[in-house]
Amino acid sequence: MSHAQHHAMSDADPGTDASGHRARLRERLTEGPEALLDHELIEYLLMLAIPRRETKTIARRLIAEFGGIGGVLGADARALARQGGLSDTAVAAIKIAEAAALRLLRSRVTGRPVLASWQAVLDYLRADMAHRTIERVRVLHLNSKNMLIRDELASEGSIDQAAVYVREIIRSALDMGSASLILVHNHPSGDPQPSRQDIALTRDLVNAAKPLGIAIHDHVIIAGGGHASLRAMGLM
């Protein structure tokens, strides 16, 4: 059966043939992760949590409300309940799907040199941070073989005390014996372009780390609109 035929069948009104519609989605799901469209994945997930309701409309509304499947999975649980009108069970289904996705992406990073698997690292960071509504700063601590030894959540909230951040990051790196660091934070605005404050913080961190023999590989900004590397931009 062609994808177009599949899609046409999936657009049939589930109210007239709910069990058949569900069976068709389930059958297509076994063909692989790309067999279902984004809204169909959310639709089927919600079917499992709220089996006696038509979930296609809810799924389409959630994707429109939160800006795509990534936004739905990454949305705050309270926002899903408030804006999405979802029950606790439906919210839990979405958050367990997000947790499973993040574990899968993280498994592709763990135990490998970070710089040699950089795209996998970016995929993991974007999945975890791109849709967050508050700013989060993370520090990836690497050993002398560039293996990840700790993924540290340094702070949540705006970066408004650069000197404090630099001190805390350096102290943590010394405690762990880190050979190098990668700084990562998100821009909830959706624009990954670094601010003057981001650039200043990076330069302060580089200057503080250098005499101690700790390298700063990069400062990466993650946002809904993509990511920016201060190293690649020549800003550090």
Protein backbone atom coordinates (compact mmCIF):
# COMPACT_ATOMS: atom_id res chain seq x y z
CA MET A 1 0.00 0.00 0.00
CA SER A 2 1.35 3.46 -0.90
CA HIS A 3 2.03 6.18 1.65
CA ALA A 4 -0.71 8.27 0.02
CA GLN A 5 -3.21 5.41 0.50
CA HIS A 6 -2.05 4.98 4.08
CA HIS A 7 -2.48 8.69 4.69
CA ALA A 8 -5.93 8.73 3.11
CA MET A 9 -6.98 5.84 5.35
CA SER A 10 -5.60 7.58 8.41
CA ASP A 11 -7.68 10.65 7.58
CA ALA A 12 -10.89 8.62 7.71
CA ASP A 13 -13.14 9.68 10.56
CA PRO A 14 -12.11 7.52 13.52
CA GLY A 15 -15.51 8.08 15.03
CA THR A 16 -17.06 5.83 12.38
CA ASP A 17 -14.39 3.13 12.59
CA ALA A 18 -12.33 3.75 15.71
CA SER A 19 -10.99 0.23 16.17
CA GLY A 20 -10.15 -0.14 12.47
CA HIS A 21 -8.43 3.25 12.39
CA ARG A 22 -6.42 2.36 15.48
CA ALA A 23 -5.43 -1.00 13.99
CA ARG A 24 -4.23 0.68 10.80
CA LEU A 25 -2.09 3.14 12.75
CA ARG A 26 -0.67 0.27 14.82
CA GLU A 27 0.13 -1.74 11.69
CA ARG A 28 1.90 1.20 10.06
CA LEU A 29 3.86 1.91 13.23
CA THR A 30 5.55 -1.50 12.95
CA GLU A 31 6.98 -0.46 9.56
CA GLY A 32 9.36 1.97 11.22
CA PRO A 33 9.51 5.38 12.92
CA GLU A 34 8.86 7.35 9.70
CA ALA A 35 5.66 5.47 8.81
CA LEU A 36 3.43 7.79 10.85
CA LEU A 37 3.17 11.55 10.48
CA ASP A 38 3.93 13.74 13.50
CA HIS A 39 0.29 14.30 14.44
CA GLU A 40 -0.41 10.57 14.02
CA LEU A 41 2.33 9.68 16.51
CA ILE A 42 0.78 12.01 19.09
CA GLU A 43 -2.69 10.76 18.17
CA TYR A 44 -1.73 7.12 18.76
CA LEU A 45 0.12 7.96 21.97
CA LEU A 46 -2.99 9.69 23.30
CA MET A 47 -5.16 6.74 22.23
CA LEU A 48 -3.22 4.61 24.71
CA ALA A 49 -3.79 7.12 27.52
CA ILE A 50 -7.39 8.11 26.74
CA PRO A 51 -8.79 5.15 24.77
CA ARG A 52 -12.43 6.21 24.72
CA ARG A 53 -11.92 9.59 23.03
CA GLU A 54 -11.19 10.63 19.47
CA THR A 55 -7.61 11.89 19.68
CA LYS A 56 -6.76 13.08 16.15
CA THR A 57 -8.27 16.53 16.78
CA ILE A 58 -6.47 16.80 20.12
CA ALA A 59 -3.16 15.79 18.51
CA ARG A 60 -3.47 18.37 15.71
CA ARG A 61 -4.38 21.08 18.22
CA LEU A 62 -1.41 20.25 20.46
CA ILE A 63 1.02 20.40 17.54
CA ALA A 64 -0.40 23.76 16.46
CA GLU A 65 -0.36 25.08 20.05
CA PHE A 66 3.19 24.00 20.91
CA GLY A 67 4.83 24.45 17.50
CA GLY A 68 5.42 20.87 16.35
CA ILE A 69 6.01 17.44 17.81
CA GLY A 70 9.23 18.54 19.55
CA GLY A 71 7.37 21.34 21.27
CA VAL A 72 4.63 18.95 22.41
CA LEU A 73 7.02 16.36 23.84
CA GLY A 74 9.20 19.03 25.46
CA ALA A 75 6.35 21.12 26.85
CA ASP A 76 6.07 21.67 30.58
CA ALA A 77 3.60 19.25 32.16
CA ARG A 78 1.57 22.12 33.63
CA ALA A 79 1.39 23.82 30.25
CA LEU A 80 0.11 20.61 28.64
CA ALA A 81 -2.59 20.34 31.28
CA ARG A 82 -3.49 24.03 31.16
CA GLN A 83 -3.18 24.93 27.47
CA GLY A 84 -3.66 21.45 26.04
CA GLY A 85 -6.52 20.52 28.35
CA LEU A 86 -5.00 17.07 28.95
CA SER A 87 -5.62 14.72 31.86
CA ASP A 88 -2.82 13.66 34.18
CA THR A 89 -2.68 10.29 32.38
CA ALA A 90 -2.34 11.91 28.95
CA VAL A 91 0.34 14.31 30.20
CA ALA A 92 2.25 11.37 31.72
CA ALA A 93 2.10 9.52 28.37
CA ILE A 94 3.66 12.48 26.57
CA LYS A 95 6.37 12.96 29.20
CA ILE A 96 7.32 9.25 29.19
CA ALA A 97 7.64 9.43 25.40
CA GLU A 98 9.95 12.44 25.78
CA ALA A 99 12.01 10.67 28.46
CA ALA A 100 12.41 7.59 26.25
CA ALA A 101 13.48 9.72 23.28
CA LEU A 102 16.06 11.57 25.38
CA ARG A 103 17.45 8.31 26.79
CA LEU A 104 17.83 6.95 23.26
CA LEU A 105 19.63 10.08 22.06
CA ARG A 106 21.84 10.16 25.16
CA SER A 107 22.84 6.51 24.64
CA ARG A 108 24.36 7.53 21.29
CA VAL A 109 26.64 9.98 23.12
CA THR A 110 27.64 8.01 26.21
CA GLY A 111 30.94 6.18 26.03
CA ARG A 112 32.13 7.88 22.84
CA PRO A 113 34.50 10.81 22.32
CA VAL A 114 32.22 13.85 22.32
CA LEU A 115 33.98 15.73 19.53
CA ALA A 116 33.94 12.65 17.26
CA SER A 117 30.17 12.21 17.74
CA TRP A 118 29.32 15.91 17.72
CA GLN A 119 26.14 15.60 15.64
CA ALA A 120 24.74 13.05 18.10
CA VAL A 121 25.59 15.44 20.95
CA LEU A 122 23.78 18.30 19.17
CA ASP A 123 20.75 16.07 18.50
CA TYR A 124 20.56 15.21 22.20
CA LEU A 125 21.00 18.79 23.37
CA ARG A 126 18.44 20.17 20.91
CA ALA A 127 15.87 17.54 21.90
CA ASP A 128 16.36 18.36 25.56
CA MET A 129 16.75 22.16 25.45
CA ALA A 130 15.34 23.71 22.28
CA HIS A 131 11.75 23.99 23.50
CA ARG A 132 12.32 24.95 27.13
CA THR A 133 10.64 28.17 28.18
CA ILE A 134 13.31 29.19 30.71
CA GLU A 135 17.03 29.55 30.18
CA ARG A 136 19.12 26.59 31.26
CA VAL A 137 22.92 26.46 31.42
CA ARG A 138 24.73 23.13 31.16
CA VAL A 139 28.40 22.26 31.27
CA LEU A 140 29.75 19.14 29.56
CA HIS A 141 32.84 18.00 31.45
CA LEU A 142 35.31 15.96 29.37
CA ASN A 143 38.38 13.94 30.33
CA SER A 144 41.72 13.93 28.49
CA LYS A 145 40.26 11.53 25.88
CA ASN A 146 37.31 13.90 25.26
CA MET A 147 34.90 11.42 26.85
CA LEU A 148 31.93 12.89 28.71
CA ILE A 149 32.44 12.47 32.45
CA ARG A 150 29.56 14.65 33.58
CA ASP A 151 26.67 16.54 32.03
CA GLU A 152 26.09 19.19 34.69
CA LEU A 153 23.06 21.45 34.98
CA ALA A 154 24.80 24.61 36.13
CA SER A 155 21.75 26.82 36.48
CA GLU A 156 18.26 27.70 35.39
CA GLY A 157 17.25 31.30 34.78
CA SER A 158 18.92 34.20 33.00
CA ILE A 159 22.71 34.54 32.88
CA ASP A 160 23.00 37.84 34.75
CA GLN A 161 25.98 37.21 37.05
CA ALA A 162 28.75 36.13 34.69
CA ALA A 163 31.51 36.30 37.32
CA VAL A 164 29.59 33.97 39.64
CA TYR A 165 29.04 31.46 36.81
CA VAL A 166 32.72 31.47 35.86
CA ARG A 167 33.80 30.83 39.47
CA GLU A 168 31.30 28.01 39.95
CA ILE A 169 32.11 26.34 36.62
CA ILE A 170 35.87 26.46 37.26
CA ARG A 171 35.44 25.14 40.81
CA SER A 172 33.33 22.26 39.54
CA ALA A 173 35.86 21.45 36.78
CA LEU A 174 38.71 21.36 39.30
CA ASP A 175 36.70 19.11 41.64
CA MET A 176 36.08 16.62 38.80
CA GLY A 177 39.51 16.85 37.23
CA SER A 178 38.00 17.91 33.91
CA ALA A 179 40.47 18.34 31.05
CA SER A 180 38.06 20.42 28.98
CA LEU A 181 34.56 21.87 28.99
CA ILE A 182 31.76 22.65 26.58
CA LEU A 183 29.28 25.29 27.75
CA VAL A 184 25.69 24.95 26.50
CA HIS A 185 22.63 27.09 27.08
CA ASN A 186 19.29 27.68 25.41
CA HIS A 187 17.53 30.80 24.14
CA PRO A 188 13.77 30.49 24.80
CA SER A 189 13.21 33.29 22.24
CA GLY A 190 13.95 30.77 19.48
CA ASP A 191 16.88 32.79 18.10
CA PRO A 192 20.25 31.07 18.69
CA GLN A 193 22.41 34.11 17.91
CA PRO A 194 24.76 34.88 20.84
CA SER A 195 24.25 38.05 22.84
CA ARG A 196 27.07 40.34 23.95
CA GLN A 197 26.68 38.85 27.41
CA ASP A 198 27.06 35.31 26.01
CA ILE A 199 30.29 36.33 24.27
CA ALA A 200 31.63 38.12 27.37
CA LEU A 201 30.87 35.11 29.61
CA THR A 202 32.66 32.79 27.18
CA ARG A 203 35.78 34.97 27.05
CA ASP A 204 35.84 35.29 30.85
CA LEU A 205 35.58 31.51 31.16
CA VAL A 206 38.36 30.90 28.61
CA ASN A 207 40.64 33.38 30.41
CA ALA A 208 39.96 31.83 33.81
CA ALA A 209 40.41 28.24 32.62
CA LYS A 210 43.57 28.65 30.55
CA PRO A 211 46.09 29.13 33.42
CA LEU A 212 44.64 26.02 35.08
CA GLY A 213 45.18 23.86 31.98
CA ILE A 214 41.46 23.48 31.29
CA ALA A 215 40.39 23.95 27.67
CA ILE A 216 37.03 25.42 26.65
CA HIS A 217 36.12 23.65 23.42
CA ASP A 218 32.96 25.59 22.62
CA HIS A 219 29.94 27.49 23.83
CA VAL A 220 26.83 26.24 22.05
CA ILE A 221 23.50 28.05 22.07
CA ILE A 222 20.42 25.91 21.45
CA ALA A 223 17.10 27.37 20.28
CA GLY A 224 13.96 26.41 18.42
CA GLY A 225 15.40 28.10 15.35
CA GLY A 226 18.61 26.04 15.36
CA HIS A 227 21.92 26.29 17.18
CA ALA A 228 24.98 28.52 17.18
CA SER A 229 28.58 27.64 18.01
CA LEU A 230 30.73 30.50 19.27
CA ARG A 231 33.80 28.49 18.20
CA ALA A 232 32.51 28.15 14.64
CA MET A 233 31.58 31.85 14.59
CA GLY A 234 35.12 32.87 15.60
CA LEU A 235 33.90 34.47 18.83
CA MET A 236 36.24 32.58 21.17
